[in-house]
Amino acid sequence: QVQFVESGGGSVQPGGSLRLSCAASGPGLENFRVGWFRRAPGREREAISCIRRDGNSTLLNPVKGRFTTSRDNAVDTIHLEMNNLQFEDSGEYFCAVVDLLDPLCRPLPWYRNPDYWGKGTLVTVSA
C-alpha cells in the first residue's frame, strides 16, 4: 500500500508562510490522487486539497486563495504551500490517497482505520 511521511511543519506568526512536504512510497502511486488533510485540536480531520499526477489540483474553501498544492512526480513528493496563515490553520497535517473523481477530496475507505494514516506534521500559528 502507499505510505506517506509528512514534514515541514513548525511555528509561525499569523500572516506567515510554511511549505509542507509529503514523501510517498508504495505501489501504484502514479495512479493516485493525493490529498492534504488537517486535524485541529478538538476537531475532526478535514480535507483541504488534493492533486492528481498530472498536476490538476483542488483547493477547498478553508484554504482556497491562500494555499497551493504541487506534486513532484520524479521524487514522489507532494507539497503544500501555505501563505497568510491564520490561527485556525493550526493543527496536524496529513496526506492520504483520495478518490480520483471526488470533488471534496475525501480519503479512500481504508483510511477509516487510523493505522493507515502517517504521523503527520504539526503546524502552530501563534502571535
Foldseek 3Di string as FASTA:
>chain_A
DKAWDKDWADEEAAQAKTKIKIQIDDPPLLQFKKWKWWDDVPGDIATAKIAHNVGDIAGDDVQPPFKDKGADVVRRMIMIIGGRDDQVVWGFMWMATADPPDNRRDHPPVVVPVVRTYPTHTHGYDD
